[in-house]
Amino acid sequence: MTSATAPARPDDTSAFDRNRRRFRDWRHRRPFWGGLLAIIAGLPILYFPYAHLSLGGLTFAMATTGGAGALIIGILMIVLGISAWLQPMSRVFAGVATILLSLVSIPVSNLGGFGFGLLPGLIGGGLMVAWAPLREQAAVASKAPAAPVAEPAAPAPAEPAGEPATAQLPAQRAEAADTDADAEPGGPGAAGEAR
């Protein structure tokens, strides 16, 4: 067996390799990294207003008046990240909404989760907006023979230089007819010149 006759993907691959390839193919058909960053951004925004951090024996309660707003912003960012994964055509809406929610989280949720939610939210929203689906690959030329290309019968007449190929208004047609009549040997202008 030579490299020319070897299969592109051997059939005896492990289940791990098959699943890894399936996940890679799934990931390439959607804004995966933007959605992941939006989900990651929603977690600290959701967590910090309700957290009770203890430093040594001292407990810090981060409860603020924006707790309900932070809850809504965090959940919406997680939902937008998941929707970008499941519905890739909603990527522009999800990306713009993620960016706006990240900016709104600055005053509402402790500076956007102390920056741990703000930065991934802005980057993830930008990635979702910028993502575009891959183009389908063209069919292999060897499988479908191309139709023969016919030669054109005659070249199209060239337009005179300086004149656009547009339709003329009635006044322009009348002007063109007058100039053509003047240019003819038996036209009104020719009789005046002969005298």
C-alpha atoms as a PDB file:
ATOM      1  CA  MET A   1       0.000   0.000   0.000  1.00  0.00           C
ATOM      2  CA  THR A   2       1.346   3.420  -0.949  1.00  0.00           C
ATOM      3  CA  SER A   3       0.421   6.807   0.373  1.00  0.00           C
ATOM      4  CA  ALA A   4      -1.672   7.397  -2.745  1.00  0.00           C
ATOM      5  CA  THR A   5      -3.894   4.397  -2.005  1.00  0.00           C
ATOM      6  CA  ALA A   6      -4.051   4.800   1.788  1.00  0.00           C
ATOM      7  CA  PRO A   7      -7.407   6.007   3.120  1.00  0.00           C
ATOM      8  CA  ALA A   8      -7.506   9.591   4.351  1.00  0.00           C
ATOM      9  CA  ARG A   9      -8.978   8.504   7.685  1.00  0.00           C
ATOM     10  CA  PRO A  10      -8.258   4.959   8.715  1.00  0.00           C
ATOM     11  CA  ASP A  11     -11.260   2.934   9.823  1.00  0.00           C
ATOM     12  CA  ASP A  12      -9.569   1.548  12.917  1.00  0.00           C
ATOM     13  CA  THR A  13      -9.583   4.813  14.894  1.00  0.00           C
ATOM     14  CA  SER A  14     -10.485   4.782  18.550  1.00  0.00           C
ATOM     15  CA  ALA A  15     -13.737   6.095  19.958  1.00  0.00           C
ATOM     16  CA  PHE A  16     -11.840   8.993  21.513  1.00  0.00           C
ATOM     17  CA  ASP A  17     -10.492  10.075  18.098  1.00  0.00           C
ATOM     18  CA  ARG A  18     -13.929   9.790  16.467  1.00  0.00           C
ATOM     19  CA  ASN A  19     -15.540  11.869  19.232  1.00  0.00           C
ATOM     20  CA  ARG A  20     -12.757  14.425  19.091  1.00  0.00           C
ATOM     21  CA  ARG A  21     -13.245  14.807  15.325  1.00  0.00           C
ATOM     22  CA  ARG A  22     -17.017  15.100  15.736  1.00  0.00           C
ATOM     23  CA  PHE A  23     -16.570  17.787  18.395  1.00  0.00           C
ATOM     24  CA  ARG A  24     -14.066  19.617  16.187  1.00  0.00           C
ATOM     25  CA  ASP A  25     -16.500  19.542  13.252  1.00  0.00           C
ATOM     26  CA  TRP A  26     -19.340  20.748  15.503  1.00  0.00           C
ATOM     27  CA  ARG A  27     -17.138  23.514  16.895  1.00  0.00           C
ATOM     28  CA  HIS A  28     -16.149  24.775  13.426  1.00  0.00           C
ATOM     29  CA  ARG A  29     -19.795  25.237  12.389  1.00  0.00           C
ATOM     30  CA  ARG A  30     -20.638  27.777  15.105  1.00  0.00           C
ATOM     31  CA  PRO A  31     -19.071  30.688  17.063  1.00  0.00           C
ATOM     32  CA  PHE A  32     -17.733  28.363  19.744  1.00  0.00           C
ATOM     33  CA  TRP A  33     -15.111  30.567  21.399  1.00  0.00           C
ATOM     34  CA  GLY A  34     -17.349  33.632  21.478  1.00  0.00           C
ATOM     35  CA  GLY A  35     -20.137  31.626  23.114  1.00  0.00           C
ATOM     36  CA  LEU A  36     -17.717  30.089  25.608  1.00  0.00           C
ATOM     37  CA  LEU A  37     -16.368  33.509  26.601  1.00  0.00           C
ATOM     38  CA  ALA A  38     -19.930  34.835  27.001  1.00  0.00           C
ATOM     39  CA  ILE A  39     -20.761  31.939  29.341  1.00  0.00           C
ATOM     40  CA  ILE A  40     -17.531  32.489  31.284  1.00  0.00           C
ATOM     41  CA  ALA A  41     -18.308  36.225  31.499  1.00  0.00           C
ATOM     42  CA  GLY A  42     -21.755  35.590  32.931  1.00  0.00           C
ATOM     43  CA  LEU A  43     -20.460  33.510  35.843  1.00  0.00           C
ATOM     44  CA  PRO A  44     -18.501  36.182  37.805  1.00  0.00           C
ATOM     45  CA  ILE A  45     -21.159  38.803  37.094  1.00  0.00           C
ATOM     46  CA  LEU A  46     -23.694  36.393  38.537  1.00  0.00           C
ATOM     47  CA  TYR A  47     -21.521  35.278  41.460  1.00  0.00           C
ATOM     48  CA  PHE A  48     -19.910  38.341  43.028  1.00  0.00           C
ATOM     49  CA  PRO A  49     -23.032  40.271  44.176  1.00  0.00           C
ATOM     50  CA  TYR A  50     -24.154  37.207  46.148  1.00  0.00           C
ATOM     51  CA  ALA A  51     -20.767  36.040  47.370  1.00  0.00           C
ATOM     52  CA  HIS A  52     -19.728  35.933  51.006  1.00  0.00           C
ATOM     53  CA  LEU A  53     -15.966  35.937  50.886  1.00  0.00           C
ATOM     54  CA  SER A  54     -14.039  35.225  54.047  1.00  0.00           C
ATOM     55  CA  LEU A  55     -10.530  36.491  54.530  1.00  0.00           C
ATOM     56  CA  GLY A  56      -9.064  34.948  57.652  1.00  0.00           C
ATOM     57  CA  GLY A  57     -11.862  35.192  60.190  1.00  0.00           C
ATOM     58  CA  LEU A  58     -13.483  38.201  58.510  1.00  0.00           C
ATOM     59  CA  THR A  59     -16.482  37.666  56.225  1.00  0.00           C
ATOM     60  CA  PHE A  60     -17.194  40.118  53.401  1.00  0.00           C
ATOM     61  CA  ALA A  61     -20.728  40.300  52.045  1.00  0.00           C
ATOM     62  CA  MET A  62     -20.863  41.806  48.559  1.00  0.00           C
ATOM     63  CA  ALA A  63     -24.646  42.223  48.553  1.00  0.00           C
ATOM     64  CA  THR A  64     -25.555  45.391  46.698  1.00  0.00           C
ATOM     65  CA  THR A  65     -28.731  47.028  45.488  1.00  0.00           C
ATOM     66  CA  GLY A  66     -27.853  45.840  41.991  1.00  0.00           C
ATOM     67  CA  GLY A  67     -28.077  42.191  42.998  1.00  0.00           C
ATOM     68  CA  ALA A  68     -31.227  41.539  40.976  1.00  0.00           C
ATOM     69  CA  GLY A  69     -29.732  43.363  37.976  1.00  0.00           C
ATOM     70  CA  ALA A  70     -26.541  41.326  38.238  1.00  0.00           C
ATOM     71  CA  LEU A  71     -28.613  38.150  38.412  1.00  0.00           C
ATOM     72  CA  ILE A  72     -30.477  39.074  35.228  1.00  0.00           C
ATOM     73  CA  ILE A  73     -27.322  40.192  33.383  1.00  0.00           C
ATOM     74  CA  GLY A  74     -25.392  37.061  34.348  1.00  0.00           C
ATOM     75  CA  ILE A  75     -28.180  34.686  33.346  1.00  0.00           C
ATOM     76  CA  LEU A  76     -28.770  36.534  30.056  1.00  0.00           C
ATOM     77  CA  MET A  77     -25.075  36.361  29.162  1.00  0.00           C
ATOM     78  CA  ILE A  78     -25.010  32.617  29.812  1.00  0.00           C
ATOM     79  CA  VAL A  79     -28.172  32.146  27.735  1.00  0.00           C
ATOM     80  CA  LEU A  80     -26.738  34.266  24.887  1.00  0.00           C
ATOM     81  CA  GLY A  81     -23.568  32.160  24.845  1.00  0.00           C
ATOM     82  CA  ILE A  82     -25.577  28.945  24.679  1.00  0.00           C
ATOM     83  CA  SER A  83     -27.891  30.356  21.997  1.00  0.00           C
ATOM     84  CA  ALA A  84     -24.870  31.274  19.852  1.00  0.00           C
ATOM     85  CA  TRP A  85     -23.832  27.623  20.052  1.00  0.00           C
ATOM     86  CA  LEU A  86     -27.251  26.146  19.322  1.00  0.00           C
ATOM     87  CA  GLN A  87     -28.434  28.742  16.766  1.00  0.00           C
ATOM     88  CA  PRO A  88     -25.362  30.051  14.910  1.00  0.00           C
ATOM     89  CA  MET A  89     -27.491  32.335  12.723  1.00  0.00           C
ATOM     90  CA  SER A  90     -28.397  34.399  15.803  1.00  0.00           C
ATOM     91  CA  ARG A  91     -24.716  35.185  16.345  1.00  0.00           C
ATOM     92  CA  VAL A  92     -24.941  38.910  15.504  1.00  0.00           C
ATOM     93  CA  PHE A  93     -27.819  39.536  17.907  1.00  0.00           C
ATOM     94  CA  ALA A  94     -26.170  37.449  20.626  1.00  0.00           C
ATOM     95  CA  GLY A  95     -22.832  39.204  20.133  1.00  0.00           C
ATOM     96  CA  VAL A  96     -24.251  42.723  20.232  1.00  0.00           C
ATOM     97  CA  ALA A  97     -26.432  41.881  23.241  1.00  0.00           C
ATOM     98  CA  THR A  98     -23.422  40.360  25.044  1.00  0.00           C
ATOM     99  CA  ILE A  99     -21.368  43.498  24.437  1.00  0.00           C
ATOM    100  CA  LEU A 100     -24.187  45.741  25.675  1.00  0.00           C
ATOM    101  CA  LEU A 101     -24.818  43.606  28.761  1.00  0.00           C
ATOM    102  CA  SER A 102     -21.085  43.630  29.535  1.00  0.00           C
ATOM    103  CA  LEU A 103     -21.075  47.415  29.424  1.00  0.00           C
ATOM    104  CA  VAL A 104     -24.236  47.650  31.530  1.00  0.00           C
ATOM    105  CA  SER A 105     -22.646  45.343  34.104  1.00  0.00           C
ATOM    106  CA  ILE A 106     -20.020  47.993  34.951  1.00  0.00           C
ATOM    107  CA  PRO A 107     -22.320  50.111  37.139  1.00  0.00           C
ATOM    108  CA  VAL A 108     -24.780  47.338  38.018  1.00  0.00           C
ATOM    109  CA  SER A 109     -22.554  44.441  39.042  1.00  0.00           C
ATOM    110  CA  ASN A 110     -19.444  45.574  40.922  1.00  0.00           C
ATOM    111  CA  LEU A 111     -17.527  46.892  37.905  1.00  0.00           C
ATOM    112  CA  GLY A 112     -18.577  43.978  35.712  1.00  0.00           C
ATOM    113  CA  GLY A 113     -17.576  41.280  38.155  1.00  0.00           C
ATOM    114  CA  PHE A 114     -14.359  43.184  38.965  1.00  0.00           C
ATOM    115  CA  GLY A 115     -13.351  42.941  35.312  1.00  0.00           C
ATOM    116  CA  PHE A 116     -13.505  39.134  35.330  1.00  0.00           C
ATOM    117  CA  GLY A 117     -16.863  39.308  33.547  1.00  0.00           C
ATOM    118  CA  LEU A 118     -16.413  42.534  31.643  1.00  0.00           C
ATOM    119  CA  LEU A 119     -13.383  41.617  29.532  1.00  0.00           C
ATOM    120  CA  PRO A 120     -14.481  38.104  28.479  1.00  0.00           C
ATOM    121  CA  GLY A 121     -17.926  39.520  27.711  1.00  0.00           C
ATOM    122  CA  LEU A 122     -16.564  42.214  25.410  1.00  0.00           C
ATOM    123  CA  ILE A 123     -14.157  39.833  23.662  1.00  0.00           C
ATOM    124  CA  GLY A 124     -16.751  37.042  23.373  1.00  0.00           C
ATOM    125  CA  GLY A 125     -19.376  39.418  21.973  1.00  0.00           C
ATOM    126  CA  GLY A 126     -16.896  40.678  19.402  1.00  0.00           C
ATOM    127  CA  LEU A 127     -15.986  37.124  18.415  1.00  0.00           C
ATOM    128  CA  MET A 128     -19.654  36.224  17.981  1.00  0.00           C
ATOM    129  CA  VAL A 129     -20.306  39.254  15.771  1.00  0.00           C
ATOM    130  CA  ALA A 130     -17.179  38.651  13.680  1.00  0.00           C
ATOM    131  CA  TRP A 131     -17.694  34.908  13.167  1.00  0.00           C
ATOM    132  CA  ALA A 132     -18.859  33.780   9.726  1.00  0.00           C
ATOM    133  CA  PRO A 133     -19.788  30.261   8.608  1.00  0.00           C
ATOM    134  CA  LEU A 134     -17.367  28.386   6.383  1.00  0.00           C
ATOM    135  CA  ARG A 135     -18.184  28.227   2.696  1.00  0.00           C
ATOM    136  CA  GLU A 136     -19.217  24.864   1.352  1.00  0.00           C
ATOM    137  CA  GLN A 137     -16.442  23.279  -0.649  1.00  0.00           C
ATOM    138  CA  ALA A 138     -17.013  22.983  -4.383  1.00  0.00           C
ATOM    139  CA  ALA A 139     -17.770  19.582  -5.833  1.00  0.00           C
ATOM    140  CA  VAL A 140     -14.772  17.640  -7.011  1.00  0.00           C
ATOM    141  CA  ALA A 141     -14.162  18.298 -10.706  1.00  0.00           C
ATOM    142  CA  SER A 142     -13.255  14.690 -11.467  1.00  0.00           C
ATOM    143  CA  LYS A 143     -16.681  13.411 -10.407  1.00  0.00           C
ATOM    144  CA  ALA A 144     -18.715  15.753 -12.621  1.00  0.00           C
ATOM    145  CA  PRO A 145     -17.236  16.546 -16.041  1.00  0.00           C
ATOM    146  CA  ALA A 146     -17.542  20.164 -17.031  1.00  0.00           C
ATOM    147  CA  ALA A 147     -19.603  21.129 -20.062  1.00  0.00           C
ATOM    148  CA  PRO A 148     -17.587  22.280 -23.071  1.00  0.00           C
ATOM    149  CA  VAL A 149     -17.264  26.022 -23.351  1.00  0.00           C
ATOM    150  CA  ALA A 150     -18.682  27.426 -26.583  1.00  0.00           C
ATOM    151  CA  GLU A 151     -16.854  30.198 -28.409  1.00  0.00           C
ATOM    152  CA  PRO A 152     -18.798  33.423 -28.832  1.00  0.00           C
ATOM    153  CA  ALA A 153     -20.182  33.854 -32.357  1.00  0.00           C
ATOM    154  CA  ALA A 154     -19.089  37.440 -32.905  1.00  0.00           C
ATOM    155  CA  PRO A 155     -17.688  40.070 -30.615  1.00  0.00           C
ATOM    156  CA  ALA A 156     -20.115  42.714 -29.510  1.00  0.00           C
ATOM    157  CA  PRO A 157     -19.663  46.061 -31.251  1.00  0.00           C
ATOM    158  CA  ALA A 158     -17.566  48.422 -29.236  1.00  0.00           C
ATOM    159  CA  GLU A 159     -19.113  51.621 -27.989  1.00  0.00           C
ATOM    160  CA  PRO A 160     -17.534  54.834 -29.248  1.00  0.00           C
ATOM    161  CA  ALA A 161     -15.127  56.322 -26.760  1.00  0.00           C
ATOM    162  CA  GLY A 162     -16.623  58.926 -24.500  1.00  0.00           C
ATOM    163  CA  GLU A 163     -20.272  58.001 -25.098  1.00  0.00           C
ATOM    164  CA  PRO A 164     -22.076  56.073 -22.372  1.00  0.00           C
ATOM    165  CA  ALA A 165     -24.230  53.118 -23.319  1.00  0.00           C
ATOM    166  CA  THR A 166     -27.445  54.518 -21.857  1.00  0.00           C
ATOM    167  CA  ALA A 167     -30.871  55.208 -23.268  1.00  0.00           C
ATOM    168  CA  GLN A 168     -31.393  58.673 -24.692  1.00  0.00           C
ATOM    169  CA  LEU A 169     -34.121  61.086 -23.735  1.00  0.00           C
ATOM    170  CA  PRO A 170     -36.501  62.264 -26.491  1.00  0.00           C
ATOM    171  CA  ALA A 171     -34.761  65.661 -26.656  1.00  0.00           C
ATOM    172  CA  GLN A 172     -31.385  63.935 -27.076  1.00  0.00           C
ATOM    173  CA  ARG A 173     -32.782  61.749 -29.882  1.00  0.00           C
ATOM    174  CA  ALA A 174     -34.092  64.823 -31.703  1.00  0.00           C
ATOM    175  CA  GLU A 175     -30.681  66.513 -31.318  1.00  0.00           C
ATOM    176  CA  ALA A 176     -28.912  63.423 -32.637  1.00  0.00           C
ATOM    177  CA  ALA A 177     -31.296  63.283 -35.610  1.00  0.00           C
ATOM    178  CA  ASP A 178     -30.588  66.966 -36.411  1.00  0.00           C
ATOM    179  CA  THR A 179     -26.821  66.450 -36.325  1.00  0.00           C
ATOM    180  CA  ASP A 180     -27.135  63.333 -38.498  1.00  0.00           C
ATOM    181  CA  ALA A 181     -29.225  65.259 -41.039  1.00  0.00           C
ATOM    182  CA  ASP A 182     -26.618  68.049 -41.115  1.00  0.00           C
ATOM    183  CA  ALA A 183     -23.823  65.575 -41.702  1.00  0.00           C
ATOM    184  CA  GLU A 184     -25.497  63.838 -44.688  1.00  0.00           C
ATOM    185  CA  PRO A 185     -24.310  64.973 -48.157  1.00  0.00           C
ATOM    186  CA  GLY A 186     -27.794  65.931 -49.270  1.00  0.00           C
ATOM    187  CA  GLY A 187     -28.834  67.422 -45.930  1.00  0.00           C
ATOM    188  CA  PRO A 188     -29.777  71.046 -45.237  1.00  0.00           C
ATOM    189  CA  GLY A 189     -26.265  71.995 -44.183  1.00  0.00           C
ATOM    190  CA  ALA A 190     -24.709  70.584 -47.401  1.00  0.00           C
ATOM    191  CA  ALA A 191     -26.917  72.740 -49.653  1.00  0.00           C
ATOM    192  CA  GLY A 192     -25.827  75.900 -47.874  1.00  0.00           C
ATOM    193  CA  GLU A 193     -22.170  75.067 -48.251  1.00  0.00           C
ATOM    194  CA  ALA A 194     -22.413  74.384 -51.976  1.00  0.00           C
ATOM    195  CA  ARG A 195     -23.560  77.911 -52.753  1.00  0.00           C
END
